[in-house]
Amino acid sequence: MHNATCISMLLGLAALGACQSDPQYLEAAAPLQGGMVDPMTMEPVVASGTTLLPIKIETASDKAERDALAASLNTVVPYVRLDDLRVSVEWSLTNPGTTAGKANVTLNGGNDRNYYDPNTIPPAGREAPPTPSLLGNTPIDVPANTTITGMFRDDQVLEAAIDLELIARANQNPFRAILVNNENDESIQPMSIPDPQDPNSVSVPMGDPVPRAALGHLIRLDIGLNSSVPMTLTYVVRVQDDRGILHKKLLGAPLDQLTAIMPTLYVPPGE
């Protein structure tokens, strides 16, 4: 499938004077239009929008605290961690036509090191299922002339963040990481990559487990829409900032006061 990607401008809808722990709302400026077909290949186009959380630049004291934590845990510790934020996504999907259809509303994304896009990972074989998204793998029936609302809850987004760490940091197969409930895992175990040239090679634990306190949260959110008929998706990202690392001006902040979010696309080992 092809991606029609829109890096969305965000509008901060938080009330003036709200404290850091109050929910902050980031609304995509443009809706996603699904049900389109690439005229060259006649393949469906996956419409997608990317939201980058407006994270303040790390202070010297935060950096010193993070370095101390990394030393005590003996592992790399990201700036934005699981317990720092509670992130959810509220969405509204409209089928304006006279024909019922099916749709998938998906959530993928990235932390400060890696981002995950299942559309870049081909199935393992002709009969193999498509690579799953972090969230939203169940098709939705949408009647004609109907609007359906839904949400990716903060506990689901939290597990998606853990799943990404399992995939990119612990070398776990995406199917296993995503389809098994890992929300309450206290650590992840990095594994070696079996040698494809050696039929006797197996995956074995590699190094110490990475504790939960060293796992990164999603700070890039990629929302996708794939539908069988034309549909429109709007969505709002809700963030509860328990650590006070969102910029108070949200995306109205000067760029030089925001953390540059530039994770690397996850590529499966051997690809």
Foldseek 3Di string as FASTA:
>chain_A
DAEDEDAFDWDWPDDPPDDQQDKIKTWGPDWWKAQDADPVVRHGYKYKYKDFWFFFDDDPVLVVVQVVVCVVQVHHADSAALPFKQKKKKKKKFAAAQAKKKKWKAKWFDFQAETEDQVVPAAPDPPGDGQDGLDGPDIDIGHHGDMDIDMCGSLSQSLSQVLVCCVQVQVDRSCVSRVDRCSPPQWHFRWDDFDPVDPPTDIDTDDDTGGNNRGHGGRMMMIIMYMNHIMIMIMMMMMRGPPSGGDPNIVVDPPVRGDDRDYYYDDRPPD
